[in-house]
Amino acid sequence: MRRYSMNPNRKSVTLLLAWHLILAVTISCNIQTGETNTDPEKVFHAPTDEGILFILRTAGIPEACLEMNIDFESVFGPMAASDDHSYKRYRWSVSRDERGNSLIHALPPEEEMGWTPWERWNLKDGKPIRTSWVLYPLEKLHGKGIIKWYKIEESDNLFPRFLDNTADLLTLLRLARIDVAADCLGLDFMRTFIDPLQTEVQQIYSNYRWAVIPHILADDGPVIYALPPMDSSDVWPWESWYTDGHIPRIHHVHYTREKEFTTGVWSEGHGAPQRPPEIFGCTWHWYDDPDMTLALSKQKMMN
């Protein structure tokens, strides 16, 4: 009997056809069972039950914790229980200190750099500690035009700084250094952000994310952001406080729904620098509030 050998090109075509047949059967089965693999969140990202833990494991944080005798699950695990923090956008890494010991870094997003603390975990006298480092406001110049990070906190409380789940608005704002930024802008911190608020309004603002981000339109100075859960932005505004170098203090209030006191409409494209990502892709109805106090402190009057 005469034997025929398959042409390599024909063999490749045959294998390709077989692969497509298997893929078609798989898709057909998924359709029948109501499953799909076309969701980009499932195709390109870690499963939703992994989230931040996937990022940390990829960066080698559990191994560094083991070296430093830090319980990874109890210290960093709580981050997986919530999605209302920005630690997923941090750059996590591990390096070595001058003694060769592991050093864990949590570097804040680029737009917040310098104001939001850079957090580090390392050993001191054989025990793990967490420290927080900032650039602004400048402590002092080290030579002409040279600035250095300086430490603002050292603690044996190893939990990430912004996972202090407190209902105390005052503590939350101080953790975010809103008091420091307010002082730079010439605002009375307590009279602007705490004293005018009734208890229930303080609780609302405790659900916000607070951040300080420099911006070129603010004369490169700090902009204070109060950012609500964005699914509530029709009724809870995001607010900002800053100076543009000419007007001493500006307070902007923004909603995703037009209000009777709206004076302008504004939107910001995705990826715009020096902006918090929460505000991208929406049309914002805004107004200037000459009163620097929080907008919801006056909500009865506005309603």
Foldseek 3Di string as FASTA:
>chain_A
DDDDDDDPVVVVVVVVVVVVVVVVVVQVVCVVVVHDDPPCCNPPHDPLLCQPVVLCVVQVVVVLCVQLVHDCCVQVVVVSVDDLDQQSQWRWHWDADPVRHIKIWTHGHPQQAQQQWIKIWTDDPSHIKIWTWGFPPAPDADPPPHTDIDTDDIGSNRHPLQVPLDLQLVSNCVSQVVVVLCVVLVHDVCVAEPVLDDSVVSSQQSQWHWHWGADVQLVRGTKIWTGHDLVCQQPAWIWIWGHRVPDSIWIKTKGLDAAPQFDDKDADDQPDHNDDRSRHPTIIGMDIDPRNHHPVSCVVVRD
